[in-house]
Amino acid sequence: MGLLDNTTQQEYYNGNDFGNYQFVSLEDIINQFMIVYVGEDKIIPKAKRLDVAFHAQRALAELSFDTLKSCKAQEITVPASLQMTLPQDYVNYTKISWVDSAGIKHLLYPTSKTSNPTNPYQNSDGDFKITAIGTFINSGVAITLDSEYKNITAGMRIVAPSIPNGAEVSYILHAAGITTVYIHGAITTTSSSTETITFENQDGSLIPEEETAVILDNLSWGTDNKITQSPNTNVDNVKIGMVLSDQFIWPLGTTVIDVNGAVITMSQDSLFAAVASQETFTLKPGDSTTWSNYKSGIPSENQDDYQDDTYWPLDGSRYGLDPQHAQANGSFYIDCHSGKIHFSSNISGETVILDYISDSLGTDGEMQVHKFAEEAMYKWISHAILAGSANVPEYQVNRFKKERFAAIRTAKLRLSNLKLEELTQILRGKSKQIKH
């Protein structure tokens, strides 16, 4: 005995597609709509399948946000960085919680009192630019600066009286706390003169504060993308994603893609081989001071007041505490710029579950609708096509608008999954008198 899709009971229990009968695929909805709703003597005389498919996808996405049940969840162990990358198909979260040893969820609450703003570089005068005193050497090809500047990267524009417009940094050398930059472009001075040098990004954007800068000596490489250090000292400090500050030997924008022992693999091949050279690897942008202080401090929900960092769970006095922080589960906020969730310090090492909403259009397997909302899909598509068509009476458009609203409301009620026995049990715990 089989279902309408010719699947027998034996095939169902021997397979792994359990519970899928409650859904209907988006392709089936489009096919059935074209057969039942479109044609001669029907409410929609003519419609392109492409238009129906577009409105069906829009309907599925919109219903996924507030009508259809979200079954998406991701579990991670919070690392020392206290950050979690948002899933690829993430749209919004329904709840974020940490799990105890018994597998019970403890709800985390969002905090609106902090964030992770951009962190541009500022010099001692508060200006958003790197300003240094430079001495021209080697007929102006190289400039020795007055200190070490790890923020300077290859490709930056150099501005100085003796430097023509368009000159840029090609190579950077650090030694004994002093930075020397080699530049592209002809220099108008050949003497060892000293001038004020300003470094700017080519696109005019602010220079970010570096998070990490690693300077390695005794490097060698061929014309491929492998860099080897001998002897191996601190290659472990080089991380994937770091940018190589050398436009003279490596193409601009070359980054680290792998670190294995004393061998560093870059994203591009070098322009020519070199031996016993130095390179600077930088990782940008760095953490803001706001985020650094938040992740290193004791969360306010774990304090009894704002006067000290002491927390007595059984003391009973938490005067001055904001009610939204009157819980010890932890807190989080979402940094939309970096696409990461930031957690408070008391969540470090905990197992965290992110329950989230997608638009149900990520993969073909997701493009399915619960049968409780199938009628809402048909009404949505009908109204969208009629509303976008010319010469359709307004009363007809309004009729389908009302039918769409009623169908969505019915779908929400059905998908709310309210059970009388469960409600009765909950109300008993609220000291409500229940008649049977």
Protein backbone atom coordinates (compact mmCIF):
# COMPACT_ATOMS: atom_id res chain seq x y z
CA MET A 1 0.00 0.00 0.00
CA GLY A 2 1.59 3.28 -1.09
CA LEU A 3 1.03 7.03 -0.78
CA LEU A 4 0.28 9.42 -3.62
CA ASP A 5 4.02 9.60 -4.39
CA ASN A 6 4.07 5.79 -4.85
CA THR A 7 6.19 5.31 -1.70
CA THR A 8 5.23 2.12 0.13
CA GLN A 9 5.42 1.72 3.89
CA GLN A 10 8.33 -0.70 3.53
CA GLU A 11 10.27 1.76 1.37
CA TYR A 12 9.60 4.54 3.86
CA TYR A 13 10.90 2.68 6.92
CA ASN A 14 13.89 1.29 5.01
CA GLY A 15 14.90 4.76 3.86
CA ASN A 16 15.99 7.88 5.71
CA ASP A 17 13.49 10.50 4.52
CA PHE A 18 11.42 10.37 7.69
CA GLY A 19 8.61 12.86 8.33
CA ASN A 20 8.83 14.40 4.87
CA TYR A 21 5.16 13.70 4.07
CA GLN A 22 4.20 16.80 6.05
CA PHE A 23 5.90 18.96 3.40
CA VAL A 24 5.23 19.70 -0.26
CA SER A 25 8.07 20.82 -2.52
CA LEU A 26 8.15 24.26 -4.08
CA GLU A 27 8.36 22.67 -7.53
CA ASP A 28 5.11 20.77 -6.90
CA ILE A 29 3.40 23.97 -5.77
CA ILE A 30 4.49 25.74 -8.96
CA ASN A 31 3.36 22.84 -11.15
CA GLN A 32 -0.01 22.54 -9.41
CA PHE A 33 -0.57 26.29 -9.55
CA MET A 34 0.07 26.33 -13.31
CA ILE A 35 -2.44 23.51 -13.79
CA VAL A 36 -5.25 24.67 -11.47
CA TYR A 37 -5.03 28.48 -11.41
CA VAL A 38 -3.78 29.41 -14.90
CA GLY A 39 -5.62 28.85 -18.16
CA GLU A 40 -8.73 29.58 -20.17
CA ASP A 41 -11.87 30.34 -18.12
CA LYS A 42 -9.77 30.62 -14.94
CA ILE A 43 -9.06 33.57 -12.70
CA ILE A 44 -5.58 33.98 -14.27
CA PRO A 45 -5.97 33.49 -18.05
CA LYS A 46 -2.27 33.60 -18.82
CA ALA A 47 0.92 33.64 -16.75
CA LYS A 48 4.54 32.76 -17.44
CA ARG A 49 6.00 29.93 -15.41
CA LEU A 50 9.00 32.16 -14.68
CA ASP A 51 6.70 34.75 -13.05
CA VAL A 52 4.97 32.07 -10.99
CA ALA A 53 8.35 30.66 -9.86
CA PHE A 54 9.53 34.13 -8.81
CA HIS A 55 6.42 34.87 -6.73
CA ALA A 56 6.52 31.36 -5.25
CA GLN A 57 10.07 31.92 -4.02
CA ARG A 58 9.16 35.32 -2.61
CA ALA A 59 6.15 33.78 -0.84
CA LEU A 60 8.31 31.02 0.63
CA ALA A 61 10.90 33.51 1.86
CA GLU A 62 8.33 35.83 3.46
CA LEU A 63 6.40 32.99 5.09
CA SER A 64 9.66 31.55 6.43
CA PHE A 65 10.28 34.69 8.49
CA ASP A 66 7.14 34.72 10.64
CA THR A 67 4.79 31.87 9.69
CA LEU A 68 6.64 28.65 8.95
CA LYS A 69 8.37 26.86 11.80
CA SER A 70 12.14 27.29 11.84
CA CYS A 71 14.03 24.02 12.33
CA LYS A 72 17.54 25.37 11.74
CA ALA A 73 20.10 25.20 14.52
CA GLN A 74 23.88 25.16 14.86
CA GLU A 75 25.94 24.02 17.86
CA ILE A 76 29.50 25.16 18.60
CA THR A 77 31.92 25.30 21.52
CA VAL A 78 32.72 28.96 22.19
CA PRO A 79 36.49 29.48 21.64
CA ALA A 80 38.77 31.82 23.58
CA SER A 81 38.03 34.55 21.03
CA LEU A 82 34.39 34.53 22.29
CA GLN A 83 33.12 34.76 18.71
CA MET A 84 30.87 32.62 16.54
CA THR A 85 30.60 32.99 12.76
CA LEU A 86 27.02 33.33 11.51
CA PRO A 87 25.80 30.40 9.34
CA GLN A 88 25.88 30.85 5.58
CA ASP A 89 22.07 31.02 5.20
CA TYR A 90 21.47 33.06 8.39
CA VAL A 91 18.73 35.72 8.26
CA ASN A 92 17.80 36.21 11.93
CA TYR A 93 17.98 34.29 15.19
CA THR A 94 15.08 32.93 17.21
CA LYS A 95 17.12 32.21 20.33
CA ILE A 96 20.70 31.65 21.45
CA SER A 97 21.41 29.46 24.46
CA TRP A 98 24.19 27.53 26.18
CA VAL A 99 23.80 23.88 27.16
CA ASP A 100 24.65 22.42 30.56
CA SER A 101 25.91 18.90 31.34
CA ALA A 102 22.33 17.61 31.42
CA GLY A 103 21.63 18.89 27.90
CA ILE A 104 19.28 21.63 29.10
CA LYS A 105 19.30 24.97 27.30
CA HIS A 106 19.92 28.20 29.21
CA LEU A 107 18.78 31.26 27.30
CA LEU A 108 21.34 33.98 26.51
CA TYR A 109 20.11 37.56 26.31
CA PRO A 110 21.21 40.25 23.82
CA THR A 111 23.00 43.28 25.18
CA SER A 112 22.54 46.72 23.69
CA LYS A 113 25.14 48.39 25.91
CA THR A 114 28.21 47.57 23.81
CA SER A 115 29.38 46.89 20.25
CA ASN A 116 32.49 46.37 18.10
CA PRO A 117 32.98 49.64 16.20
CA THR A 118 35.62 50.22 13.56
CA ASN A 119 39.05 50.99 14.99
CA PRO A 120 41.00 53.34 12.70
CA TYR A 121 44.60 54.28 13.38
CA GLN A 122 45.20 57.61 15.12
CA ASN A 123 48.55 59.32 15.59
CA SER A 124 49.55 61.29 18.68
CA ASP A 125 47.77 64.38 17.35
CA GLY A 126 44.52 62.48 16.90
CA ASP A 127 44.71 62.58 13.09
CA PHE A 128 43.68 59.51 11.09
CA LYS A 129 46.96 59.22 9.18
CA ILE A 130 50.47 57.92 9.67
CA THR A 131 52.94 60.81 9.90
CA ALA A 132 56.67 60.16 10.30
CA ILE A 133 59.99 61.95 9.95
CA GLY A 134 61.89 60.37 7.07
CA THR A 135 65.46 60.59 5.86
CA PHE A 136 66.09 59.98 2.14
CA ILE A 137 68.92 57.52 1.36
CA ASN A 138 70.14 55.66 -1.72
CA SER A 139 69.30 58.59 -4.02
CA GLY A 140 65.80 58.76 -2.65
CA VAL A 141 64.84 55.15 -3.43
CA ALA A 142 64.62 54.34 0.29
CA ILE A 143 63.40 56.41 3.22
CA THR A 144 64.47 55.68 6.81
CA LEU A 145 61.74 56.64 9.29
CA ASP A 146 62.21 57.90 12.82
CA SER A 147 60.58 54.86 14.46
CA GLU A 148 58.95 51.49 13.74
CA TYR A 149 55.61 51.71 11.94
CA LYS A 150 53.94 48.31 11.57
CA ASN A 151 50.79 49.90 10.12
CA ILE A 152 52.55 50.81 6.90
CA THR A 153 51.74 48.30 4.16
CA ALA A 154 52.68 47.86 0.54
CA GLY A 155 50.64 49.95 -1.89
CA MET A 156 50.14 52.92 0.44
CA ARG A 157 50.45 56.39 -1.10
CA ILE A 158 53.38 58.51 0.14
CA VAL A 159 53.01 62.28 0.48
CA ALA A 160 56.03 64.58 1.03
CA PRO A 161 57.45 67.76 -0.57
CA SER A 162 60.15 65.86 -2.48
CA ILE A 163 57.92 62.98 -3.53
CA PRO A 164 55.80 63.37 -6.68
CA ASN A 165 52.12 62.49 -6.79
CA GLY A 166 51.41 58.80 -7.28
CA ALA A 167 54.44 57.44 -5.42
CA GLU A 168 53.64 54.40 -3.29
CA VAL A 169 55.29 51.94 -0.90
CA SER A 170 56.78 48.87 -2.62
CA TYR A 171 58.85 47.22 0.14
CA ILE A 172 59.21 47.60 3.93
CA LEU A 173 62.19 46.70 6.12
CA HIS A 174 62.25 46.68 9.95
CA ALA A 175 65.50 46.63 11.90
CA ALA A 176 66.43 47.73 15.45
CA GLY A 177 63.08 49.43 16.00
CA ILE A 178 63.38 51.49 12.79
CA THR A 179 61.29 51.15 9.63
CA THR A 180 62.73 51.74 6.16
CA VAL A 181 60.38 51.98 3.18
CA TYR A 182 61.29 51.55 -0.49
CA ILE A 183 59.07 53.36 -2.93
CA HIS A 184 57.92 53.48 -6.56
CA GLY A 185 58.30 56.79 -8.41
CA ALA A 186 61.08 59.24 -9.10
CA ILE A 187 62.31 61.37 -6.18
CA THR A 188 63.36 64.98 -6.65
CA THR A 189 66.12 64.86 -4.03
CA THR A 190 69.36 62.86 -4.02
CA SER A 191 70.77 64.13 -0.75
CA SER A 192 70.25 62.74 2.75
CA SER A 193 67.55 65.30 3.50
CA THR A 194 64.86 64.95 6.17
CA GLU A 195 61.18 65.63 5.58
CA THR A 196 57.79 64.93 7.11
CA ILE A 197 56.28 61.88 5.39
CA THR A 198 52.55 61.04 5.36
CA PHE A 199 51.19 57.61 4.42
CA GLU A 200 47.62 57.15 3.14
CA ASN A 201 45.51 54.36 1.65
CA GLN A 202 45.13 54.57 -2.12
CA ASP A 203 41.32 54.56 -1.94
CA GLY A 204 41.22 57.30 0.68
CA SER A 205 39.86 55.01 3.41
CA LEU A 206 41.05 55.25 6.99
CA ILE A 207 44.01 53.10 8.02
CA PRO A 208 42.86 50.39 10.45
CA GLU A 209 44.71 49.62 13.65
CA GLU A 210 46.69 46.44 13.13
CA GLU A 211 45.72 43.43 15.25
CA THR A 212 48.96 41.52 14.76
CA ALA A 213 52.18 42.26 12.90
CA VAL A 214 54.83 39.55 12.57
CA ILE A 215 58.30 40.36 11.23
CA LEU A 216 60.32 37.37 9.98
CA ASP A 217 63.99 37.32 8.98
CA ASN A 218 66.09 34.69 7.16
CA LEU A 219 63.41 33.91 4.59
CA SER A 220 63.96 32.36 1.19
CA TRP A 221 61.65 31.54 -1.72
CA GLY A 222 61.66 30.69 -5.40
CA THR A 223 59.27 31.82 -8.09
CA ASP A 224 56.39 29.81 -6.60
CA ASN A 225 54.17 30.60 -3.62
CA LYS A 226 56.26 28.91 -0.88
CA ILE A 227 58.28 30.83 1.74
CA THR A 228 60.76 28.96 3.97
CA GLN A 229 62.47 30.24 7.10
CA SER A 230 65.74 28.79 8.34
CA PRO A 231 66.19 28.49 11.23
CA ASN A 232 62.51 28.24 12.17
CA THR A 233 61.94 30.73 15.01
CA ASN A 234 58.42 32.17 15.23
CA VAL A 235 56.64 31.03 12.06
CA ASP A 236 53.83 29.77 14.31
CA ASN A 237 52.87 33.42 14.89
CA VAL A 238 51.97 33.77 11.22
CA LYS A 239 48.25 33.14 10.77
CA ILE A 240 46.12 32.32 7.75
CA GLY A 241 44.69 35.51 6.24
CA MET A 242 47.68 37.72 7.08
CA VAL A 243 48.71 40.17 4.36
CA LEU A 244 52.27 40.32 3.05
CA SER A 245 53.58 43.91 3.08
CA ASP A 246 55.79 43.65 0.00
CA GLN A 247 54.71 44.92 -3.42
CA PHE A 248 58.24 44.78 -4.85
CA ILE A 249 58.67 40.98 -4.80
CA TRP A 250 55.08 39.77 -4.26
CA PRO A 251 51.89 40.96 -6.04
CA LEU A 252 49.85 43.46 -4.08
CA GLY A 253 47.28 41.80 -1.81
CA THR A 254 49.16 38.49 -1.39
CA THR A 255 47.91 36.69 1.74
CA VAL A 256 48.84 33.61 3.77
CA ILE A 257 46.74 30.54 2.92
CA ASP A 258 48.66 27.87 4.88
CA VAL A 259 51.37 27.50 7.55
CA ASN A 260 53.11 24.13 7.92
CA GLY A 261 56.24 23.99 10.06
CA ALA A 262 58.77 26.44 8.62
CA VAL A 263 56.94 26.67 5.26
CA ILE A 264 54.41 29.45 4.57
CA THR A 265 52.15 29.14 1.53
CA MET A 266 51.00 32.39 -0.07
CA SER A 267 47.96 33.07 -2.25
CA GLN A 268 50.10 34.16 -5.23
CA ASP A 269 53.50 33.31 -6.72
CA SER A 270 56.44 35.64 -6.10
CA LEU A 271 57.73 37.83 -8.91
CA PHE A 272 61.32 36.58 -8.48
CA ALA A 273 63.38 34.42 -6.09
CA ALA A 274 65.17 35.76 -3.02
CA VAL A 275 67.37 34.47 -0.17
CA ALA A 276 67.97 35.79 3.38
CA SER A 277 65.20 38.36 3.16
CA GLN A 278 62.77 39.92 5.63
CA GLU A 279 59.01 40.15 5.33
CA THR A 280 56.20 41.68 7.43
CA PHE A 281 52.89 39.85 7.86
CA THR A 282 49.94 41.86 9.17
CA LEU A 283 46.39 40.95 10.15
CA LYS A 284 43.75 43.66 9.84
CA PRO A 285 41.54 45.02 11.22
CA GLY A 286 42.15 44.61 14.92
CA ASP A 287 39.62 44.38 17.76
CA SER A 288 38.16 47.66 18.93
CA THR A 289 38.89 48.83 22.46
CA THR A 290 35.17 48.49 23.24
CA TRP A 291 35.08 44.80 22.33
CA SER A 292 38.44 44.08 23.99
CA ASN A 293 37.21 45.56 27.28
CA TYR A 294 33.85 43.78 27.08
CA LYS A 295 35.29 40.30 26.49
CA SER A 296 37.93 40.70 29.21
CA GLY A 297 35.62 42.08 31.89
CA ILE A 298 33.25 40.32 34.27
CA PRO A 299 29.72 40.48 32.80
CA SER A 300 27.36 42.78 34.67
CA GLU A 301 24.86 39.94 35.07
CA ASN A 302 27.45 38.14 37.21
CA GLN A 303 27.79 41.05 39.64
CA ASP A 304 25.59 41.90 42.59
CA ASP A 305 26.03 45.63 42.02
CA TYR A 306 28.14 48.08 40.04
CA GLN A 307 30.53 48.89 42.88
CA ASP A 308 32.82 45.85 42.66
CA ASP A 309 33.37 42.60 40.76
CA THR A 310 31.97 40.31 43.45
CA TYR A 311 28.96 38.09 42.85
CA TRP A 312 27.04 36.27 45.61
CA PRO A 313 24.25 34.20 44.01
CA LEU A 314 22.65 33.45 47.42
CA ASP A 315 23.06 36.88 48.94
CA GLY A 316 19.71 38.16 47.74
CA SER A 317 20.87 41.73 47.20
CA ARG A 318 21.68 42.95 43.72
CA TYR A 319 20.89 46.63 44.16
CA GLY A 320 21.42 48.92 41.18
CA LEU A 321 21.35 46.09 38.66
CA ASP A 322 19.53 46.77 35.41
CA PRO A 323 16.56 44.33 35.22
CA GLN A 324 17.63 43.18 31.74
CA HIS A 325 20.87 41.94 33.33
CA ALA A 326 19.17 40.15 36.22
CA GLN A 327 20.28 36.71 35.02
CA ALA A 328 23.57 34.83 35.12
CA ASN A 329 23.30 32.90 31.85
CA GLY A 330 25.41 35.33 29.83
CA SER A 331 24.87 37.81 27.04
CA PHE A 332 25.76 38.40 23.40
CA TYR A 333 25.52 40.83 20.54
CA ILE A 334 25.76 40.40 16.78
CA ASP A 335 28.36 42.36 14.83
CA CYS A 336 26.74 42.76 11.40
CA HIS A 337 29.94 44.18 9.86
CA SER A 338 32.09 41.12 10.63
CA GLY A 339 29.19 38.62 10.51
CA LYS A 340 29.97 37.21 13.95
CA ILE A 341 28.25 36.76 17.30
CA HIS A 342 30.23 38.12 20.27
CA PHE A 343 29.69 36.52 23.69
CA SER A 344 30.38 37.66 27.22
CA SER A 345 33.41 36.18 28.99
CA ASN A 346 31.40 33.74 31.15
CA ILE A 347 30.41 31.80 27.98
CA SER A 348 34.00 30.85 27.10
CA GLY A 349 34.29 27.09 26.57
CA GLU A 350 30.54 26.53 26.80
CA THR A 351 28.46 24.69 24.20
CA VAL A 352 26.21 27.23 22.50
CA ILE A 353 23.22 26.53 20.25
CA LEU A 354 22.05 29.09 17.69
CA ASP A 355 18.44 28.59 16.58
CA TYR A 356 17.94 30.75 13.53
CA ILE A 357 15.68 31.61 10.62
CA SER A 358 16.61 31.24 6.96
CA ASP A 359 14.61 32.14 3.86
CA SER A 360 14.24 28.43 2.92
CA LEU A 361 15.88 29.11 -0.45
CA GLY A 362 19.41 27.99 0.39
CA THR A 363 19.30 24.60 -1.36
CA ASP A 364 16.81 22.60 -3.40
CA GLY A 365 16.14 20.34 -0.40
CA GLU A 366 15.01 23.35 1.66
CA MET A 367 12.49 24.58 -0.91
CA GLN A 368 9.49 22.91 0.65
CA VAL A 369 6.37 24.11 2.42
CA HIS A 370 4.46 22.57 5.28
CA LYS A 371 1.06 21.35 4.14
CA PHE A 372 -0.59 23.59 6.73
CA ALA A 373 0.67 26.57 4.70
CA GLU A 374 0.14 25.21 1.19
CA GLU A 375 -3.09 27.14 0.63
CA ALA A 376 -1.38 30.34 1.81
CA MET A 377 1.24 29.83 -0.90
CA TYR A 378 -1.41 29.55 -3.63
CA LYS A 379 -3.23 32.66 -2.41
CA TRP A 380 0.03 34.61 -2.15
CA ILE A 381 1.07 33.73 -5.72
CA SER A 382 -2.43 34.51 -7.08
CA HIS A 383 -2.54 37.93 -5.47
CA ALA A 384 1.02 38.79 -6.54
CA ILE A 385 0.33 37.92 -10.20
CA LEU A 386 -3.01 39.74 -10.32
CA ALA A 387 -1.60 42.80 -8.56
CA GLY A 388 1.25 42.99 -11.08
CA SER A 389 -0.94 42.54 -14.15
CA ALA A 390 -2.51 45.28 -16.24
CA ASN A 391 -6.28 45.60 -16.80
CA VAL A 392 -7.19 43.56 -13.72
CA PRO A 393 -10.18 45.03 -11.83
CA GLU A 394 -9.25 46.47 -8.46
CA TYR A 395 -12.01 44.53 -6.70
CA GLN A 396 -10.45 41.29 -7.91
CA VAL A 397 -7.03 42.27 -6.56
CA ASN A 398 -8.57 43.24 -3.19
CA ARG A 399 -10.50 39.96 -3.05
CA PHE A 400 -7.31 37.91 -3.38
CA LYS A 401 -5.53 40.22 -0.97
CA LYS A 402 -8.13 39.39 1.68
CA GLU A 403 -7.99 35.69 0.84
CA ARG A 404 -4.19 35.76 1.14
CA PHE A 405 -4.42 37.43 4.55
CA ALA A 406 -6.98 34.87 5.76
CA ALA A 407 -4.93 31.93 4.45
CA ILE A 408 -1.76 33.16 6.19
CA ARG A 409 -3.67 33.66 9.43
CA THR A 410 -5.05 30.12 9.20
CA ALA A 411 -1.54 28.76 8.51
CA LYS A 412 -0.17 30.53 11.58
CA LEU A 413 -2.89 29.08 13.78
CA ARG A 414 -2.29 25.58 12.45
CA LEU A 415 1.49 25.82 12.73
CA SER A 416 1.29 27.19 16.28
CA ASN A 417 0.75 23.55 17.22
CA LEU A 418 -1.32 24.25 20.31
CA LYS A 419 -2.44 21.10 22.16
CA LEU A 420 -5.22 21.19 24.75
CA GLU A 421 -3.53 18.69 27.09
CA GLU A 422 -0.25 20.61 27.04
CA LEU A 423 -1.97 23.94 27.72
CA THR A 424 -3.91 22.37 30.57
CA GLN A 425 -0.72 21.07 32.17
CA ILE A 426 0.96 24.47 31.90
CA LEU A 427 -2.01 26.30 33.41
CA ARG A 428 -2.08 23.88 36.33
CA GLY A 429 1.36 25.16 37.22
CA LYS A 430 -0.03 28.71 37.20
CA SER A 431 -2.54 27.95 39.96
CA LYS A 432 -5.43 28.16 37.51
CA GLN A 433 -8.56 26.13 38.14
CA ILE A 434 -9.13 23.84 35.15
CA LYS A 435 -12.49 22.17 34.57
CA HIS A 436 -12.52 18.83 32.78
